[in-house]
PDB file of all heavy atoms in Angstrom:
ATOM      1  N   GLU A   1     -78.765  91.527 -47.568  1.00  0.00           N
ATOM      2  CA  GLU A   1     -80.127  91.418 -47.753  1.00  0.00           C
ATOM      3  C   GLU A   1     -80.380  91.365 -49.326  1.00  0.00           C
ATOM      4  O   GLU A   1     -79.850  92.222 -50.157  1.00  0.00           O
ATOM      5  CB  GLU A   1     -80.903  92.602 -47.253  1.00  0.00           C
ATOM      6  CG  GLU A   1     -82.386  92.584 -47.312  1.00  0.00           C
ATOM      7  CD  GLU A   1     -83.051  91.737 -46.218  1.00  0.00           C
ATOM      8  OE1 GLU A   1     -82.494  91.598 -45.119  1.00  0.00           O
ATOM      9  OE2 GLU A   1     -84.106  91.217 -46.479  1.00  0.00           O
ATOM     10  N   ASP A   2     -81.297  90.507 -49.822  1.00  0.00           N
ATOM     11  CA  ASP A   2     -81.791  90.442 -51.174  1.00  0.00           C
ATOM     12  C   ASP A   2     -80.734  90.196 -52.183  1.00  0.00           C
ATOM     13  O   ASP A   2     -80.765  90.729 -53.316  1.00  0.00           O
ATOM     14  CB  ASP A   2     -82.557  91.787 -51.512  1.00  0.00           C
ATOM     15  CG  ASP A   2     -83.905  91.836 -50.787  1.00  0.00           C
ATOM     16  OD1 ASP A   2     -84.378  90.797 -50.395  1.00  0.00           O
ATOM     17  OD2 ASP A   2     -84.388  92.983 -50.681  1.00  0.00           O
ATOM     18  N   PHE A   3     -79.737  89.352 -51.848  1.00  0.00           N
ATOM     19  CA  PHE A   3     -78.779  88.948 -52.852  1.00  0.00           C
ATOM     20  C   PHE A   3     -79.347  87.704 -53.616  1.00  0.00           C
ATOM     21  O   PHE A   3     -79.981  86.840 -52.914  1.00  0.00           O
ATOM     22  CB  PHE A   3     -77.363  88.682 -52.220  1.00  0.00           C
ATOM     23  CG  PHE A   3     -76.651  89.894 -51.958  1.00  0.00           C
ATOM     24  CD1 PHE A   3     -77.042  90.729 -50.919  1.00  0.00           C
ATOM     25  CD2 PHE A   3     -75.477  90.227 -52.734  1.00  0.00           C
ATOM     26  CE1 PHE A   3     -76.322  91.933 -50.691  1.00  0.00           C
ATOM     27  CE2 PHE A   3     -74.758  91.385 -52.422  1.00  0.00           C
ATOM     28  CZ  PHE A   3     -75.220  92.252 -51.428  1.00  0.00           C
ATOM     29  N   GLY A   4     -79.180  87.613 -54.927  1.00  0.00           N
ATOM     30  CA  GLY A   4     -79.754  86.482 -55.676  1.00  0.00           C
ATOM     31  C   GLY A   4     -79.138  85.153 -55.264  1.00  0.00           C
ATOM     32  O   GLY A   4     -78.066  85.059 -54.673  1.00  0.00           O
ATOM     33  N   ARG A   5     -79.833  84.108 -55.692  1.00  0.00           N
ATOM     34  CA  ARG A   5     -79.468  82.737 -55.283  1.00  0.00           C
ATOM     35  C   ARG A   5     -78.089  82.375 -55.799  1.00  0.00           C
ATOM     36  O   ARG A   5     -77.358  81.553 -55.190  1.00  0.00           O
ATOM     37  CB  ARG A   5     -80.489  81.706 -55.731  1.00  0.00           C
ATOM     38  CG  ARG A   5     -80.656  81.567 -57.203  1.00  0.00           C
ATOM     39  CD  ARG A   5     -81.862  80.741 -57.564  1.00  0.00           C
ATOM     40  NE  ARG A   5     -81.631  79.318 -57.276  1.00  0.00           N
ATOM     41  CZ  ARG A   5     -82.595  78.392 -57.508  1.00  0.00           C
ATOM     42  NH1 ARG A   5     -83.814  78.813 -57.786  1.00  0.00           N
ATOM     43  NH2 ARG A   5     -82.320  77.161 -57.242  1.00  0.00           N
ATOM     44  N   SER A   6     -77.556  82.992 -56.859  1.00  0.00           N
ATOM     45  CA  SER A   6     -76.336  82.650 -57.380  1.00  0.00           C
ATOM     46  C   SER A   6     -75.192  83.238 -56.591  1.00  0.00           C
ATOM     47  O   SER A   6     -73.986  82.846 -56.661  1.00  0.00           O
ATOM     48  CB  SER A   6     -76.177  83.066 -58.910  1.00  0.00           C
ATOM     49  OG  SER A   6     -76.286  84.475 -58.977  1.00  0.00           O
ATOM     50  N   ASN A   7     -75.429  84.326 -55.818  1.00  0.00           N
ATOM     51  CA  ASN A   7     -74.348  85.030 -55.090  1.00  0.00           C
ATOM     52  C   ASN A   7     -74.539  84.905 -53.582  1.00  0.00           C
ATOM     53  O   ASN A   7     -73.434  84.962 -52.890  1.00  0.00           O
ATOM     54  CB  ASN A   7     -74.472  86.544 -55.450  1.00  0.00           C
ATOM     55  CG  ASN A   7     -74.058  86.771 -56.913  1.00  0.00           C
ATOM     56  OD1 ASN A   7     -73.127  86.133 -57.422  1.00  0.00           O
ATOM     57  ND2 ASN A   7     -74.713  87.705 -57.545  1.00  0.00           N
ATOM     58  N   ALA A   8     -75.749  84.759 -53.034  1.00  0.00           N
ATOM     59  CA  ALA A   8     -75.956  84.956 -51.580  1.00  0.00           C
ATOM     60  C   ALA A   8     -75.073  83.922 -50.766  1.00  0.00           C
ATOM     61  O   ALA A   8     -74.344  84.302 -49.926  1.00  0.00           O
ATOM     62  CB  ALA A   8     -77.421  84.664 -51.306  1.00  0.00           C
ATOM     63  N   ALA A   9     -75.158  82.674 -51.118  1.00  0.00           N
ATOM     64  CA  ALA A   9     -74.462  81.653 -50.352  1.00  0.00           C
ATOM     65  C   ALA A   9     -72.984  81.806 -50.529  1.00  0.00           C
ATOM     66  O   ALA A   9     -72.163  81.599 -49.590  1.00  0.00           O
ATOM     67  CB  ALA A   9     -74.929  80.199 -50.709  1.00  0.00           C
ATOM     68  N   ASN A  10     -72.462  82.108 -51.695  1.00  0.00           N
ATOM     69  CA  ASN A  10     -71.067  82.362 -51.969  1.00  0.00           C
ATOM     70  C   ASN A  10     -70.498  83.349 -51.079  1.00  0.00           C
ATOM     71  O   ASN A  10     -69.445  83.258 -50.505  1.00  0.00           O
ATOM     72  CB  ASN A  10     -70.782  82.659 -53.444  1.00  0.00           C
ATOM     73  CG  ASN A  10     -71.134  81.514 -54.396  1.00  0.00           C
ATOM     74  OD1 ASN A  10     -71.084  80.345 -53.928  1.00  0.00           O
ATOM     75  ND2 ASN A  10     -71.290  81.770 -55.655  1.00  0.00           N
ATOM     76  N   ILE A  11     -71.220  84.507 -51.002  1.00  0.00           N
ATOM     77  CA  ILE A  11     -70.713  85.693 -50.198  1.00  0.00           C
ATOM     78  C   ILE A  11     -70.714  85.339 -48.767  1.00  0.00           C
ATOM     79  O   ILE A  11     -69.811  85.573 -48.052  1.00  0.00           O
ATOM     80  CB  ILE A  11     -71.592  86.869 -50.525  1.00  0.00           C
ATOM     81  CG1 ILE A  11     -71.312  87.411 -51.969  1.00  0.00           C
ATOM     82  CG2 ILE A  11     -71.296  87.989 -49.481  1.00  0.00           C
ATOM     83  CD1 ILE A  11     -72.313  88.446 -52.429  1.00  0.00           C
ATOM     84  N   LEU A  12     -71.791  84.665 -48.282  1.00  0.00           N
ATOM     85  CA  LEU A  12     -71.923  84.360 -46.841  1.00  0.00           C
ATOM     86  C   LEU A  12     -70.794  83.344 -46.485  1.00  0.00           C
ATOM     87  O   LEU A  12     -70.142  83.531 -45.457  1.00  0.00           O
ATOM     88  CB  LEU A  12     -73.279  83.749 -46.574  1.00  0.00           C
ATOM     89  CG  LEU A  12     -73.451  83.231 -45.115  1.00  0.00           C
ATOM     90  CD1 LEU A  12     -73.432  84.413 -44.150  1.00  0.00           C
ATOM     91  CD2 LEU A  12     -74.798  82.527 -44.983  1.00  0.00           C
ATOM     92  N   ASN A  13     -70.590  82.291 -47.242  1.00  0.00           N
ATOM     93  CA  ASN A  13     -69.641  81.295 -46.902  1.00  0.00           C
ATOM     94  C   ASN A  13     -68.187  81.863 -47.042  1.00  0.00           C
ATOM     95  O   ASN A  13     -67.329  81.413 -46.250  1.00  0.00           O
ATOM     96  CB  ASN A  13     -69.722  80.145 -47.893  1.00  0.00           C
ATOM     97  CG  ASN A  13     -71.019  79.366 -47.683  1.00  0.00           C
ATOM     98  OD1 ASN A  13     -71.594  79.365 -46.636  1.00  0.00           O
ATOM     99  ND2 ASN A  13     -71.472  78.620 -48.806  1.00  0.00           N
ATOM    100  N   LYS A  14     -67.979  82.867 -47.773  1.00  0.00           N
ATOM    101  CA  LYS A  14     -66.565  83.513 -47.939  1.00  0.00           C
ATOM    102  C   LYS A  14     -66.272  84.299 -46.575  1.00  0.00           C
ATOM    103  O   LYS A  14     -65.120  84.200 -46.124  1.00  0.00           O
ATOM    104  CB  LYS A  14     -66.488  84.417 -49.084  1.00  0.00           C
ATOM    105  CG  LYS A  14     -65.130  85.080 -49.208  1.00  0.00           C
ATOM    106  CD  LYS A  14     -64.994  85.845 -50.541  1.00  0.00           C
ATOM    107  CE  LYS A  14     -63.517  86.405 -50.500  1.00  0.00           C
ATOM    108  NZ  LYS A  14     -63.361  87.119 -51.828  1.00  0.00           N
ATOM    109  N   TYR A  15     -67.290  84.990 -46.034  1.00  0.00           N
ATOM    110  CA  TYR A  15     -66.994  85.836 -44.992  1.00  0.00           C
ATOM    111  C   TYR A  15     -67.399  85.469 -43.538  1.00  0.00           C
ATOM    112  O   TYR A  15     -66.911  86.003 -42.544  1.00  0.00           O
ATOM    113  CB  TYR A  15     -67.552  87.247 -45.271  1.00  0.00           C
ATOM    114  CG  TYR A  15     -67.024  87.907 -46.565  1.00  0.00           C
ATOM    115  CD1 TYR A  15     -67.826  87.954 -47.638  1.00  0.00           C
ATOM    116  CD2 TYR A  15     -65.783  88.385 -46.581  1.00  0.00           C
ATOM    117  CE1 TYR A  15     -67.328  88.481 -48.870  1.00  0.00           C
ATOM    118  CE2 TYR A  15     -65.253  88.963 -47.731  1.00  0.00           C
ATOM    119  CZ  TYR A  15     -66.101  89.006 -48.851  1.00  0.00           C
ATOM    120  OH  TYR A  15     -65.534  89.583 -50.000  1.00  0.00           O
ATOM    121  N   LYS A  16     -68.169  84.454 -43.462  1.00  0.00           N
ATOM    122  CA  LYS A  16     -68.808  84.117 -42.154  1.00  0.00           C
ATOM    123  C   LYS A  16     -67.779  83.650 -41.133  1.00  0.00           C
ATOM    124  O   LYS A  16     -68.040  83.718 -39.881  1.00  0.00           O
ATOM    125  CB  LYS A  16     -70.009  83.142 -42.256  1.00  0.00           C
ATOM    126  CG  LYS A  16     -69.591  81.701 -42.707  1.00  0.00           C
ATOM    127  CD  LYS A  16     -70.743  80.912 -42.800  1.00  0.00           C
ATOM    128  CE  LYS A  16     -70.399  79.350 -43.166  1.00  0.00           C
ATOM    129  NZ  LYS A  16     -71.594  78.503 -43.274  1.00  0.00           N
ATOM    130  N   LYS A  17     -66.594  83.155 -41.517  1.00  0.00           N
ATOM    131  CA  LYS A  17     -65.590  82.731 -40.528  1.00  0.00           C
ATOM    132  C   LYS A  17     -64.559  83.800 -40.380  1.00  0.00           C
ATOM    133  O   LYS A  17     -63.527  83.547 -39.667  1.00  0.00           O
ATOM    134  CB  LYS A  17     -65.011  81.434 -41.040  1.00  0.00           C
ATOM    135  CG  LYS A  17     -65.986  80.245 -41.023  1.00  0.00           C
ATOM    136  CD  LYS A  17     -65.329  78.879 -41.442  1.00  0.00           C
ATOM    137  CE  LYS A  17     -66.370  77.764 -41.352  1.00  0.00           C
ATOM    138  NZ  LYS A  17     -65.745  76.464 -41.763  1.00  0.00           N
ATOM    139  N   GLU A  18     -64.704  84.938 -40.992  1.00  0.00           N
ATOM    140  CA  GLU A  18     -63.732  85.978 -40.929  1.00  0.00           C
ATOM    141  C   GLU A  18     -64.197  87.182 -40.169  1.00  0.00           C
ATOM    142  O   GLU A  18     -63.477  87.813 -39.463  1.00  0.00           O
ATOM    143  CB  GLU A  18     -63.346  86.449 -42.311  1.00  0.00           C
ATOM    144  CG  GLU A  18     -62.685  85.342 -43.203  1.00  0.00           C
ATOM    145  CD  GLU A  18     -62.366  85.818 -44.592  1.00  0.00           C
ATOM    146  OE1 GLU A  18     -62.485  87.014 -44.885  1.00  0.00           O
ATOM    147  OE2 GLU A  18     -61.990  84.984 -45.398  1.00  0.00           O
ATOM    148  N   ILE A  19     -65.540  87.563 -40.395  1.00  0.00           N
ATOM    149  CA  ILE A  19     -66.108  88.736 -39.727  1.00  0.00           C
ATOM    150  C   ILE A  19     -67.503  88.440 -39.158  1.00  0.00           C
ATOM    151  O   ILE A  19     -68.142  87.500 -39.665  1.00  0.00           O
ATOM    152  CB  ILE A  19     -66.230  89.902 -40.736  1.00  0.00           C
ATOM    153  CG1 ILE A  19     -67.206  89.549 -41.862  1.00  0.00           C
ATOM    154  CG2 ILE A  19     -64.843  90.357 -41.226  1.00  0.00           C
ATOM    155  CD1 ILE A  19     -67.383  90.660 -42.867  1.00  0.00           C
ATOM    156  N   PRO A  20     -68.007  89.273 -38.269  1.00  0.00           N
ATOM    157  CA  PRO A  20     -69.454  89.053 -37.852  1.00  0.00           C
ATOM    158  C   PRO A  20     -70.401  89.384 -39.034  1.00  0.00           C
ATOM    159  O   PRO A  20     -70.524  90.617 -39.364  1.00  0.00           O
ATOM    160  CB  PRO A  20     -69.580  90.114 -36.746  1.00  0.00           C
ATOM    161  CG  PRO A  20     -68.196  90.613 -36.381  1.00  0.00           C
ATOM    162  CD  PRO A  20     -67.406  90.378 -37.659  1.00  0.00           C
ATOM    163  N   THR A  21     -70.978  88.436 -39.523  1.00  0.00           N
ATOM    164  CA  THR A  21     -71.831  88.654 -40.757  1.00  0.00           C
ATOM    165  C   THR A  21     -73.038  87.706 -40.836  1.00  0.00           C
ATOM    166  O   THR A  21     -72.985  86.652 -40.261  1.00  0.00           O
ATOM    167  CB  THR A  21     -70.984  88.575 -42.061  1.00  0.00           C
ATOM    168  OG1 THR A  21     -71.793  89.075 -43.151  1.00  0.00           O
ATOM    169  CG2 THR A  21     -70.619  87.202 -42.328  1.00  0.00           C
ATOM    170  N   PHE A  22     -74.046  88.188 -41.533  1.00  0.00           N
ATOM    171  CA  PHE A  22     -75.375  87.477 -41.494  1.00  0.00           C
ATOM    172  C   PHE A  22     -76.065  87.756 -42.795  1.00  0.00           C
ATOM    173  O   PHE A  22     -76.147  88.869 -43.263  1.00  0.00           O
ATOM    174  CB  PHE A  22     -76.163  88.066 -40.343  1.00  0.00           C
ATOM    175  CG  PHE A  22     -77.681  87.588 -40.235  1.00  0.00           C
ATOM    176  CD1 PHE A  22     -78.008  86.329 -39.844  1.00  0.00           C
ATOM    177  CD2 PHE A  22     -78.661  88.498 -40.565  1.00  0.00           C
ATOM    178  CE1 PHE A  22     -79.308  85.928 -39.736  1.00  0.00           C
ATOM    179  CE2 PHE A  22     -80.004  88.197 -40.518  1.00  0.00           C
ATOM    180  CZ  PHE A  22     -80.279  86.815 -40.107  1.00  0.00           C
ATOM    181  N   ASN A  23     -76.666  86.677 -43.433  1.00  0.00           N
ATOM    182  CA  ASN A  23     -77.465  86.845 -44.643  1.00  0.00           C
ATOM    183  C   ASN A  23     -78.913  86.622 -44.280  1.00  0.00           C
ATOM    184  O   ASN A  23     -79.267  85.456 -43.839  1.00  0.00           O
ATOM    185  CB  ASN A  23     -76.971  85.973 -45.776  1.00  0.00           C
ATOM    186  CG  ASN A  23     -77.808  86.153 -47.040  1.00  0.00           C
ATOM    187  OD1 ASN A  23     -79.023  85.922 -47.068  1.00  0.00           O
ATOM    188  ND2 ASN A  23     -77.161  86.644 -48.041  1.00  0.00           N
ATOM    189  N   ASP A  24     -79.732  87.626 -44.333  1.00  0.00           N
ATOM    190  CA  ASP A  24     -81.112  87.493 -43.886  1.00  0.00           C
ATOM    191  C   ASP A  24     -81.952  86.494 -44.607  1.00  0.00           C
ATOM    192  O   ASP A  24     -82.672  85.769 -44.128  1.00  0.00           O
ATOM    193  CB  ASP A  24     -81.750  88.858 -43.886  1.00  0.00           C
ATOM    194  CG  ASP A  24     -83.076  88.886 -43.183  1.00  0.00           C
ATOM    195  OD1 ASP A  24     -83.140  88.339 -42.115  1.00  0.00           O
ATOM    196  OD2 ASP A  24     -84.051  89.486 -43.702  1.00  0.00           O
ATOM    197  N   ASP A  25     -81.766  86.495 -45.957  1.00  0.00           N
ATOM    198  CA  ASP A  25     -82.535  85.599 -46.815  1.00  0.00           C
ATOM    199  C   ASP A  25     -82.191  84.071 -46.528  1.00  0.00           C
ATOM    200  O   ASP A  25     -83.023  83.201 -46.590  1.00  0.00           O
ATOM    201  CB  ASP A  25     -82.312  85.915 -48.281  1.00  0.00           C
ATOM    202  CG  ASP A  25     -82.663  87.332 -48.572  1.00  0.00           C
ATOM    203  OD1 ASP A  25     -83.912  87.660 -48.395  1.00  0.00           O
ATOM    204  OD2 ASP A  25     -81.884  88.135 -48.992  1.00  0.00           O
ATOM    205  N   ILE A  26     -80.884  83.813 -46.304  1.00  0.00           N
ATOM    206  CA  ILE A  26     -80.491  82.447 -46.032  1.00  0.00           C
ATOM    207  C   ILE A  26     -80.669  82.026 -44.599  1.00  0.00           C
ATOM    208  O   ILE A  26     -81.205  80.941 -44.335  1.00  0.00           O
ATOM    209  CB  ILE A  26     -78.957  82.274 -46.457  1.00  0.00           C
ATOM    210  CG1 ILE A  26     -78.800  82.475 -48.014  1.00  0.00           C
ATOM    211  CG2 ILE A  26     -78.481  80.873 -46.032  1.00  0.00           C
ATOM    212  CD1 ILE A  26     -77.362  82.346 -48.446  1.00  0.00           C
ATOM    213  N   GLN A  27     -80.244  82.875 -43.696  1.00  0.00           N
ATOM    214  CA  GLN A  27     -80.208  82.523 -42.298  1.00  0.00           C
ATOM    215  C   GLN A  27     -81.391  83.022 -41.478  1.00  0.00           C
ATOM    216  O   GLN A  27     -81.856  82.317 -40.610  1.00  0.00           O
ATOM    217  CB  GLN A  27     -78.951  83.044 -41.564  1.00  0.00           C
ATOM    218  CG  GLN A  27     -77.661  82.417 -42.150  1.00  0.00           C
ATOM    219  CD  GLN A  27     -76.389  83.126 -41.738  1.00  0.00           C
ATOM    220  OE1 GLN A  27     -76.192  84.334 -42.126  1.00  0.00           O
ATOM    221  NE2 GLN A  27     -75.590  82.554 -40.907  1.00  0.00           N
ATOM    222  N   GLY A  28     -81.896  84.164 -41.812  1.00  0.00           N
ATOM    223  CA  GLY A  28     -82.966  84.834 -41.025  1.00  0.00           C
ATOM    224  C   GLY A  28     -84.242  84.014 -41.025  1.00  0.00           C
ATOM    225  O   GLY A  28     -84.809  83.644 -39.976  1.00  0.00           O
ATOM    226  N   THR A  29     -84.649  83.632 -42.271  1.00  0.00           N
ATOM    227  CA  THR A  29     -85.896  82.814 -42.374  1.00  0.00           C
ATOM    228  C   THR A  29     -85.686  81.438 -41.685  1.00  0.00           C
ATOM    229  O   THR A  29     -86.572  80.902 -41.100  1.00  0.00           O
ATOM    230  CB  THR A  29     -86.271  82.591 -43.824  1.00  0.00           C
ATOM    231  OG1 THR A  29     -86.239  83.861 -44.526  1.00  0.00           O
ATOM    232  CG2 THR A  29     -87.720  82.104 -43.937  1.00  0.00           C
ATOM    233  N   GLY A  30     -84.494  80.913 -41.825  1.00  0.00           N
ATOM    234  CA  GLY A  30     -84.138  79.660 -41.181  1.00  0.00           C
ATOM    235  C   GLY A  30     -84.357  79.700 -39.641  1.00  0.00           C
ATOM    236  O   GLY A  30     -84.864  78.701 -39.082  1.00  0.00           O
ATOM    237  N   ILE A  31     -83.843  80.742 -39.073  1.00  0.00           N
ATOM    238  CA  ILE A  31     -83.983  80.870 -37.587  1.00  0.00           C
ATOM    239  C   ILE A  31     -85.446  80.956 -37.174  1.00  0.00           C
ATOM    240  O   ILE A  31     -85.844  80.353 -36.243  1.00  0.00           O
ATOM    241  CB  ILE A  31     -83.248  82.117 -37.134  1.00  0.00           C
ATOM    242  CG1 ILE A  31     -81.775  82.055 -37.417  1.00  0.00           C
ATOM    243  CG2 ILE A  31     -83.361  82.308 -35.593  1.00  0.00           C
ATOM    244  CD1 ILE A  31     -81.034  83.428 -37.245  1.00  0.00           C
ATOM    245  N   VAL A  32     -86.258  81.792 -37.973  1.00  0.00           N
ATOM    246  CA  VAL A  32     -87.654  81.924 -37.559  1.00  0.00           C
ATOM    247  C   VAL A  32     -88.424  80.640 -37.750  1.00  0.00           C
ATOM    248  O   VAL A  32     -89.195  80.217 -36.926  1.00  0.00           O
ATOM    249  CB  VAL A  32     -88.277  83.029 -38.418  1.00  0.00           C
ATOM    250  CG1 VAL A  32     -89.800  83.097 -38.130  1.00  0.00           C
ATOM    251  CG2 VAL A  32     -87.635  84.396 -38.160  1.00  0.00           C
ATOM    252  N   VAL A  33     -88.112  79.951 -38.833  1.00  0.00           N
ATOM    253  CA  VAL A  33     -88.810  78.647 -39.103  1.00  0.00           C
ATOM    254  C   VAL A  33     -88.436  77.622 -38.010  1.00  0.00           C
ATOM    255  O   VAL A  33     -89.309  76.941 -37.504  1.00  0.00           O
ATOM    256  CB  VAL A  33     -88.560  78.087 -40.519  1.00  0.00           C
ATOM    257  CG1 VAL A  33     -89.025  76.673 -40.602  1.00  0.00           C
ATOM    258  CG2 VAL A  33     -89.270  78.942 -41.553  1.00  0.00           C
TER     259      VAL A  33
END
């Protein structure tokens, strides 16, 4: 939650295929929209 634009996608992309993880700013709003 609330990671800046320079870090948010990098962190999500690194871990999303390794562990159950979710970035609310990137993915949460996308799901709702």
